[in-house]
Amino acid sequence: MTYVLHYAPDNASLIIRLALEHLGVPYDTVLVNRAASQQSGPAYRALNPNGLIPTLETPQGPVFETGAILLWLADTHGGLGPAPHDGARGDFLKWLFFLSNTVHPALRMTFYPDKYIEGPKAHAALRLGLQKALLGHFETLDTLAASRPAWFGGETPSALDIYVAALLRWPAIYPAETDRAWFSIAHYPALQTLCTRLEGLPCVRPLTRIEGLGPRPFSDPHPATPAIGSAL
């Protein structure tokens, strides 16, 4: 079957869409209208009971959670990271799970503090603490990318490259109503090089048009202007 990606523009589905484009496998898309809260409706929750985006429909059933989908695609098609019996597999996995379990949730809490704690002062305090932690995480990832392991920051993108590029895009532009001066990709030269390299690949070009990401969506990001759907 052709995969079906349930997506919203400039959401975590962007990561999976990039991976699918890079692999060159056929897939269809179904827009999840966030403006109408479709992700919380019964039809979508029948696929993903957590109501989060993305979900990928596969011959084995729906797969959700960004890291899980990336790993499933890597093991199914290859080309996104070391194979299960590769000696580098453990290193690849620990950093993939660092992104999915630590960095990505920290960004989500930064963008939506009201989902985790009540009160404007508490929101500000939570954001401040998470921003400090994220700066340290990005520094760690920059050091890793500078070391140029075969599965991160190389000429051929892995799942880690694709995931990191999106995680670097979002703090530069979201949330629109807050001060974003705390973050600049220029502070992480190895990661900035990774993003620039990724932008030059064919897998990125369709998404810059379809999701309205602009010509340099990772190294010089701007808010998305999708023709269909909402990034918010």
C-alpha atoms as a PDB file:
ATOM      1  CA  MET A   1       0.000   0.000   0.000  1.00  0.00           C
ATOM      2  CA  THR A   2       0.951   3.615  -0.348  1.00  0.00           C
ATOM      3  CA  TYR A   3       1.638   5.153   3.040  1.00  0.00           C
ATOM      4  CA  VAL A   4      -0.766   7.804   4.290  1.00  0.00           C
ATOM      5  CA  LEU A   5       0.713  10.635   6.344  1.00  0.00           C
ATOM      6  CA  HIS A   6      -1.677  12.607   8.526  1.00  0.00           C
ATOM      7  CA  TYR A   7      -0.031  16.002   8.761  1.00  0.00           C
ATOM      8  CA  ALA A   8      -0.315  19.681   9.565  1.00  0.00           C
ATOM      9  CA  PRO A   9       1.983  22.287   8.004  1.00  0.00           C
ATOM     10  CA  ASP A  10       5.211  22.936   9.913  1.00  0.00           C
ATOM     11  CA  ASN A  11       4.322  20.423  12.619  1.00  0.00           C
ATOM     12  CA  ALA A  12       6.281  17.318  13.591  1.00  0.00           C
ATOM     13  CA  SER A  13       4.831  15.690  10.479  1.00  0.00           C
ATOM     14  CA  LEU A  14       7.370  17.806   8.569  1.00  0.00           C
ATOM     15  CA  ILE A  15      10.093  15.485   9.879  1.00  0.00           C
ATOM     16  CA  ILE A  16       8.327  12.377   8.597  1.00  0.00           C
ATOM     17  CA  ARG A  17       7.495  14.009   5.278  1.00  0.00           C
ATOM     18  CA  LEU A  18      11.155  14.872   4.766  1.00  0.00           C
ATOM     19  CA  ALA A  19      12.125  11.301   5.542  1.00  0.00           C
ATOM     20  CA  LEU A  20       9.561   9.925   3.079  1.00  0.00           C
ATOM     21  CA  GLU A  21      10.736  12.330   0.370  1.00  0.00           C
ATOM     22  CA  HIS A  22      14.359  11.397   1.025  1.00  0.00           C
ATOM     23  CA  LEU A  23      13.569   7.680   0.802  1.00  0.00           C
ATOM     24  CA  GLY A  24      11.581   8.219  -2.382  1.00  0.00           C
ATOM     25  CA  VAL A  25       8.727   5.973  -1.274  1.00  0.00           C
ATOM     26  CA  PRO A  26       5.158   6.742  -2.397  1.00  0.00           C
ATOM     27  CA  TYR A  27       2.807   8.299   0.111  1.00  0.00           C
ATOM     28  CA  ASP A  28      -0.419  10.241   0.265  1.00  0.00           C
ATOM     29  CA  THR A  29      -1.244  12.990   2.738  1.00  0.00           C
ATOM     30  CA  VAL A  30      -4.318  13.840   4.764  1.00  0.00           C
ATOM     31  CA  LEU A  31      -4.482  17.296   6.304  1.00  0.00           C
ATOM     32  CA  VAL A  32      -5.287  17.447   9.999  1.00  0.00           C
ATOM     33  CA  ASN A  33      -6.958  20.838  10.385  1.00  0.00           C
ATOM     34  CA  ARG A  34      -5.570  22.183  13.646  1.00  0.00           C
ATOM     35  CA  ALA A  35      -7.676  25.336  13.373  1.00  0.00           C
ATOM     36  CA  ALA A  36     -10.730  23.072  13.720  1.00  0.00           C
ATOM     37  CA  SER A  37      -9.008  20.838  16.325  1.00  0.00           C
ATOM     38  CA  GLN A  38      -9.379  17.800  14.103  1.00  0.00           C
ATOM     39  CA  GLN A  39      -6.500  16.159  15.960  1.00  0.00           C
ATOM     40  CA  SER A  40      -8.816  15.893  18.967  1.00  0.00           C
ATOM     41  CA  GLY A  41     -11.764  14.470  17.062  1.00  0.00           C
ATOM     42  CA  PRO A  42     -12.891  10.847  17.139  1.00  0.00           C
ATOM     43  CA  ALA A  43     -11.810  10.058  13.557  1.00  0.00           C
ATOM     44  CA  TYR A  44      -8.203  11.042  14.166  1.00  0.00           C
ATOM     45  CA  ARG A  45      -8.071   9.583  17.663  1.00  0.00           C
ATOM     46  CA  ALA A  46      -9.143   6.249  16.197  1.00  0.00           C
ATOM     47  CA  LEU A  47      -5.732   6.278  14.488  1.00  0.00           C
ATOM     48  CA  ASN A  48      -3.776   8.019  17.226  1.00  0.00           C
ATOM     49  CA  PRO A  49      -5.489   7.970  20.642  1.00  0.00           C
ATOM     50  CA  ASN A  50      -3.086  10.627  21.924  1.00  0.00           C
ATOM     51  CA  GLY A  51      -4.340  13.181  19.401  1.00  0.00           C
ATOM     52  CA  LEU A  52      -0.846  14.248  18.351  1.00  0.00           C
ATOM     53  CA  ILE A  53       0.533  14.855  14.867  1.00  0.00           C
ATOM     54  CA  PRO A  54       1.848  12.963  12.900  1.00  0.00           C
ATOM     55  CA  THR A  55       0.408   9.537  12.260  1.00  0.00           C
ATOM     56  CA  LEU A  56       1.600   7.320   9.419  1.00  0.00           C
ATOM     57  CA  GLU A  57      -0.735   4.630   8.112  1.00  0.00           C
ATOM     58  CA  THR A  58       1.274   1.561   7.062  1.00  0.00           C
ATOM     59  CA  PRO A  59       0.512  -2.034   6.028  1.00  0.00           C
ATOM     60  CA  GLN A  60       1.112  -2.963   9.691  1.00  0.00           C
ATOM     61  CA  GLY A  61      -1.351  -0.386  10.928  1.00  0.00           C
ATOM     62  CA  PRO A  62      -0.984   3.243  12.062  1.00  0.00           C
ATOM     63  CA  VAL A  63       2.335   4.278  13.587  1.00  0.00           C
ATOM     64  CA  PHE A  64       2.597   7.424  15.698  1.00  0.00           C
ATOM     65  CA  GLU A  65       5.285   9.269  17.685  1.00  0.00           C
ATOM     66  CA  THR A  66       7.929  10.956  15.528  1.00  0.00           C
ATOM     67  CA  GLY A  67      10.882   8.904  16.747  1.00  0.00           C
ATOM     68  CA  ALA A  68       8.977   5.638  16.358  1.00  0.00           C
ATOM     69  CA  ILE A  69       7.948   6.462  12.784  1.00  0.00           C
ATOM     70  CA  LEU A  70      11.519   7.404  11.859  1.00  0.00           C
ATOM     71  CA  LEU A  71      12.872   4.186  13.325  1.00  0.00           C
ATOM     72  CA  TRP A  72      10.158   2.133  11.612  1.00  0.00           C
ATOM     73  CA  LEU A  73      10.994   3.739   8.259  1.00  0.00           C
ATOM     74  CA  ALA A  74      14.721   3.262   8.804  1.00  0.00           C
ATOM     75  CA  ASP A  75      14.297  -0.430   9.549  1.00  0.00           C
ATOM     76  CA  THR A  76      11.786  -0.957   6.754  1.00  0.00           C
ATOM     77  CA  HIS A  77      13.594   0.879   3.960  1.00  0.00           C
ATOM     78  CA  GLY A  78      17.150   1.504   5.142  1.00  0.00           C
ATOM     79  CA  GLY A  79      18.954   4.707   4.263  1.00  0.00           C
ATOM     80  CA  LEU A  80      18.093   6.684   7.403  1.00  0.00           C
ATOM     81  CA  GLY A  81      20.639   5.252   9.814  1.00  0.00           C
ATOM     82  CA  PRO A  82      22.686   2.184  10.727  1.00  0.00           C
ATOM     83  CA  ALA A  83      20.965  -1.169  10.208  1.00  0.00           C
ATOM     84  CA  PRO A  84      20.109  -3.331  13.248  1.00  0.00           C
ATOM     85  CA  HIS A  85      23.327  -5.363  13.031  1.00  0.00           C
ATOM     86  CA  ASP A  86      25.605  -2.382  12.321  1.00  0.00           C
ATOM     87  CA  GLY A  87      28.145  -1.664  15.068  1.00  0.00           C
ATOM     88  CA  ALA A  88      27.077   1.993  15.071  1.00  0.00           C
ATOM     89  CA  ARG A  89      23.443   1.137  15.748  1.00  0.00           C
ATOM     90  CA  GLY A  90      23.648   1.763  19.489  1.00  0.00           C
ATOM     91  CA  ASP A  91      25.161   5.222  19.055  1.00  0.00           C
ATOM     92  CA  PHE A  92      22.519   6.121  16.467  1.00  0.00           C
ATOM     93  CA  LEU A  93      19.675   4.946  18.687  1.00  0.00           C
ATOM     94  CA  LYS A  94      20.782   6.750  21.819  1.00  0.00           C
ATOM     95  CA  TRP A  95      20.860  10.084  19.983  1.00  0.00           C
ATOM     96  CA  LEU A  96      17.576   9.422  18.184  1.00  0.00           C
ATOM     97  CA  PHE A  97      15.920   8.777  21.534  1.00  0.00           C
ATOM     98  CA  PHE A  98      17.631  11.838  23.028  1.00  0.00           C
ATOM     99  CA  LEU A  99      15.901  13.922  20.361  1.00  0.00           C
ATOM    100  CA  SER A 100      12.509  12.260  20.742  1.00  0.00           C
ATOM    101  CA  ASN A 101      12.488  11.872  24.541  1.00  0.00           C
ATOM    102  CA  THR A 102      14.339  15.000  25.687  1.00  0.00           C
ATOM    103  CA  VAL A 103      14.771  17.769  23.109  1.00  0.00           C
ATOM    104  CA  HIS A 104      11.434  17.512  21.311  1.00  0.00           C
ATOM    105  CA  PRO A 105       9.312  17.402  24.513  1.00  0.00           C
ATOM    106  CA  ALA A 106      11.244  20.351  25.934  1.00  0.00           C
ATOM    107  CA  LEU A 107      10.372  22.399  22.855  1.00  0.00           C
ATOM    108  CA  ARG A 108       6.736  21.345  23.053  1.00  0.00           C
ATOM    109  CA  MET A 109       6.527  22.467  26.682  1.00  0.00           C
ATOM    110  CA  THR A 110       8.196  25.768  25.725  1.00  0.00           C
ATOM    111  CA  PHE A 111       5.577  26.382  23.046  1.00  0.00           C
ATOM    112  CA  TYR A 112       2.568  25.208  25.081  1.00  0.00           C
ATOM    113  CA  PRO A 113       3.305  25.761  28.784  1.00  0.00           C
ATOM    114  CA  ASP A 114      -0.401  26.120  29.515  1.00  0.00           C
ATOM    115  CA  LYS A 115      -0.804  22.395  28.809  1.00  0.00           C
ATOM    116  CA  TYR A 116       1.549  21.580  31.691  1.00  0.00           C
ATOM    117  CA  ILE A 117       1.220  24.284  34.342  1.00  0.00           C
ATOM    118  CA  GLU A 118      -1.212  27.055  35.282  1.00  0.00           C
ATOM    119  CA  GLY A 119      -0.651  30.796  35.523  1.00  0.00           C
ATOM    120  CA  PRO A 120       1.323  33.354  33.471  1.00  0.00           C
ATOM    121  CA  LYS A 121       4.182  33.556  36.000  1.00  0.00           C
ATOM    122  CA  ALA A 122       4.491  29.792  36.038  1.00  0.00           C
ATOM    123  CA  HIS A 123       4.471  29.755  32.226  1.00  0.00           C
ATOM    124  CA  ALA A 124       7.333  32.265  32.123  1.00  0.00           C
ATOM    125  CA  ALA A 125       9.349  30.342  34.709  1.00  0.00           C
ATOM    126  CA  LEU A 126       8.854  27.058  32.877  1.00  0.00           C
ATOM    127  CA  ARG A 127       9.891  28.589  29.570  1.00  0.00           C
ATOM    128  CA  LEU A 128      13.004  30.134  31.103  1.00  0.00           C
ATOM    129  CA  GLY A 129      14.123  26.856  32.610  1.00  0.00           C
ATOM    130  CA  LEU A 130      13.463  24.887  29.436  1.00  0.00           C
ATOM    131  CA  GLN A 131      15.236  27.434  27.272  1.00  0.00           C
ATOM    132  CA  LYS A 132      18.344  27.115  29.431  1.00  0.00           C
ATOM    133  CA  ALA A 133      18.202  23.337  29.124  1.00  0.00           C
ATOM    134  CA  LEU A 134      17.661  23.500  25.366  1.00  0.00           C
ATOM    135  CA  LEU A 135      20.691  25.720  24.844  1.00  0.00           C
ATOM    136  CA  GLY A 136      22.767  23.050  26.540  1.00  0.00           C
ATOM    137  CA  HIS A 137      21.183  20.318  24.426  1.00  0.00           C
ATOM    138  CA  PHE A 138      21.905  22.191  21.199  1.00  0.00           C
ATOM    139  CA  GLU A 139      25.504  22.745  22.312  1.00  0.00           C
ATOM    140  CA  THR A 140      25.856  19.012  22.885  1.00  0.00           C
ATOM    141  CA  LEU A 141      24.401  18.253  19.464  1.00  0.00           C
ATOM    142  CA  ASP A 142      26.685  20.822  17.824  1.00  0.00           C
ATOM    143  CA  THR A 143      29.712  19.104  19.337  1.00  0.00           C
ATOM    144  CA  LEU A 144      28.415  15.763  18.091  1.00  0.00           C
ATOM    145  CA  ALA A 145      27.835  17.086  14.573  1.00  0.00           C
ATOM    146  CA  ALA A 146      31.321  18.613  14.504  1.00  0.00           C
ATOM    147  CA  SER A 147      32.802  15.179  15.203  1.00  0.00           C
ATOM    148  CA  ARG A 148      31.168  13.961  11.950  1.00  0.00           C
ATOM    149  CA  PRO A 149      30.070  10.438  12.811  1.00  0.00           C
ATOM    150  CA  ALA A 150      28.917   8.501   9.764  1.00  0.00           C
ATOM    151  CA  TRP A 151      25.263   8.722  10.855  1.00  0.00           C
ATOM    152  CA  PHE A 152      25.025  12.457  11.670  1.00  0.00           C
ATOM    153  CA  GLY A 153      26.085  15.612   9.858  1.00  0.00           C
ATOM    154  CA  GLY A 154      27.434  13.853   6.765  1.00  0.00           C
ATOM    155  CA  GLU A 155      26.769  14.282   3.078  1.00  0.00           C
ATOM    156  CA  THR A 156      23.829  11.858   3.143  1.00  0.00           C
ATOM    157  CA  PRO A 157      21.179  12.818   5.699  1.00  0.00           C
ATOM    158  CA  SER A 158      20.094  10.376   8.370  1.00  0.00           C
ATOM    159  CA  ALA A 159      16.969  10.415  10.494  1.00  0.00           C
ATOM    160  CA  LEU A 160      18.957  12.449  13.019  1.00  0.00           C
ATOM    161  CA  ASP A 161      19.807  15.176  10.499  1.00  0.00           C
ATOM    162  CA  ILE A 162      16.178  15.502   9.450  1.00  0.00           C
ATOM    163  CA  TYR A 163      14.908  15.516  13.028  1.00  0.00           C
ATOM    164  CA  VAL A 164      17.482  18.042  14.271  1.00  0.00           C
ATOM    165  CA  ALA A 165      16.864  20.452  11.397  1.00  0.00           C
ATOM    166  CA  ALA A 166      13.186  20.769  12.333  1.00  0.00           C
ATOM    167  CA  LEU A 167      13.982  21.104  16.037  1.00  0.00           C
ATOM    168  CA  LEU A 168      16.312  23.986  15.172  1.00  0.00           C
ATOM    169  CA  ARG A 169      13.738  25.666  12.933  1.00  0.00           C
ATOM    170  CA  TRP A 170      10.938  25.991  15.433  1.00  0.00           C
ATOM    171  CA  PRO A 171      12.562  27.891  18.346  1.00  0.00           C
ATOM    172  CA  ALA A 172      13.625  30.601  15.903  1.00  0.00           C
ATOM    173  CA  ILE A 173      10.014  31.402  14.934  1.00  0.00           C
ATOM    174  CA  TYR A 174       7.628  30.030  17.590  1.00  0.00           C
ATOM    175  CA  PRO A 175       5.737  31.008  19.608  1.00  0.00           C
ATOM    176  CA  ALA A 176       5.067  34.249  17.773  1.00  0.00           C
ATOM    177  CA  GLU A 177       3.980  36.182  20.864  1.00  0.00           C
ATOM    178  CA  THR A 178       7.147  35.582  22.923  1.00  0.00           C
ATOM    179  CA  ASP A 179      10.698  36.896  22.856  1.00  0.00           C
ATOM    180  CA  ARG A 180      12.786  34.477  20.797  1.00  0.00           C
ATOM    181  CA  ALA A 181      16.118  36.247  21.246  1.00  0.00           C
ATOM    182  CA  TRP A 182      17.264  33.394  23.495  1.00  0.00           C
ATOM    183  CA  PHE A 183      17.975  31.221  20.449  1.00  0.00           C
ATOM    184  CA  SER A 184      20.120  31.674  17.330  1.00  0.00           C
ATOM    185  CA  ILE A 185      21.318  28.890  15.070  1.00  0.00           C
ATOM    186  CA  ALA A 186      24.446  30.940  14.367  1.00  0.00           C
ATOM    187  CA  HIS A 187      25.702  29.897  17.817  1.00  0.00           C
ATOM    188  CA  TYR A 188      25.949  26.302  16.558  1.00  0.00           C
ATOM    189  CA  PRO A 189      28.164  26.305  13.446  1.00  0.00           C
ATOM    190  CA  ALA A 190      28.205  22.546  12.881  1.00  0.00           C
ATOM    191  CA  LEU A 191      24.420  22.363  13.129  1.00  0.00           C
ATOM    192  CA  GLN A 192      24.064  25.385  10.857  1.00  0.00           C
ATOM    193  CA  THR A 193      26.227  23.616   8.259  1.00  0.00           C
ATOM    194  CA  LEU A 194      24.052  20.524   8.626  1.00  0.00           C
ATOM    195  CA  CYS A 195      20.928  22.601   7.991  1.00  0.00           C
ATOM    196  CA  THR A 196      22.413  24.354   4.967  1.00  0.00           C
ATOM    197  CA  ARG A 197      23.463  21.031   3.469  1.00  0.00           C
ATOM    198  CA  LEU A 198      20.003  19.570   4.015  1.00  0.00           C
ATOM    199  CA  GLU A 199      18.349  22.564   2.343  1.00  0.00           C
ATOM    200  CA  GLY A 200      20.250  21.794  -0.855  1.00  0.00           C
ATOM    201  CA  LEU A 201      18.795  18.300  -1.205  1.00  0.00           C
ATOM    202  CA  PRO A 202      15.882  17.440  -3.516  1.00  0.00           C
ATOM    203  CA  CYS A 203      13.787  16.060  -0.651  1.00  0.00           C
ATOM    204  CA  VAL A 204      13.412  19.544   0.850  1.00  0.00           C
ATOM    205  CA  ARG A 205      12.277  21.432  -2.232  1.00  0.00           C
ATOM    206  CA  PRO A 206       8.689  20.124  -2.505  1.00  0.00           C
ATOM    207  CA  LEU A 207       8.026  20.947   1.130  1.00  0.00           C
ATOM    208  CA  THR A 208       9.253  24.519   0.913  1.00  0.00           C
ATOM    209  CA  ARG A 209       6.479  25.057  -1.623  1.00  0.00           C
ATOM    210  CA  ILE A 210       3.717  22.826  -0.234  1.00  0.00           C
ATOM    211  CA  GLU A 211       4.075  23.857   3.398  1.00  0.00           C
ATOM    212  CA  GLY A 212       5.157  27.435   2.705  1.00  0.00           C
ATOM    213  CA  LEU A 213       8.492  27.160   4.500  1.00  0.00           C
ATOM    214  CA  GLY A 214      10.548  29.543   2.353  1.00  0.00           C
ATOM    215  CA  PRO A 215      13.847  28.928   0.534  1.00  0.00           C
ATOM    216  CA  ARG A 216      15.982  28.398   3.658  1.00  0.00           C
ATOM    217  CA  PRO A 217      13.613  26.748   6.109  1.00  0.00           C
ATOM    218  CA  PHE A 218      16.259  25.555   8.576  1.00  0.00           C
ATOM    219  CA  SER A 219      19.259  27.890   8.367  1.00  0.00           C
ATOM    220  CA  ASP A 220      17.156  31.076   8.056  1.00  0.00           C
ATOM    221  CA  PRO A 221      13.602  30.146   9.063  1.00  0.00           C
ATOM    222  CA  HIS A 222      10.500  32.272   8.762  1.00  0.00           C
ATOM    223  CA  PRO A 223       6.910  31.485   9.812  1.00  0.00           C
ATOM    224  CA  ALA A 224       5.198  29.056   7.482  1.00  0.00           C
ATOM    225  CA  THR A 225       2.678  30.346   4.943  1.00  0.00           C
ATOM    226  CA  PRO A 226       0.983  27.152   3.742  1.00  0.00           C
ATOM    227  CA  ALA A 227      -1.563  27.268   0.947  1.00  0.00           C
ATOM    228  CA  ILE A 228      -3.705  24.755   2.845  1.00  0.00           C
ATOM    229  CA  GLY A 229      -4.030  24.239   6.586  1.00  0.00           C
ATOM    230  CA  SER A 230      -2.587  25.995   9.585  1.00  0.00           C
ATOM    231  CA  ALA A 231       0.769  25.658  11.324  1.00  0.00           C
ATOM    232  CA  LEU A 232      -0.756  26.850  14.618  1.00  0.00           C
END
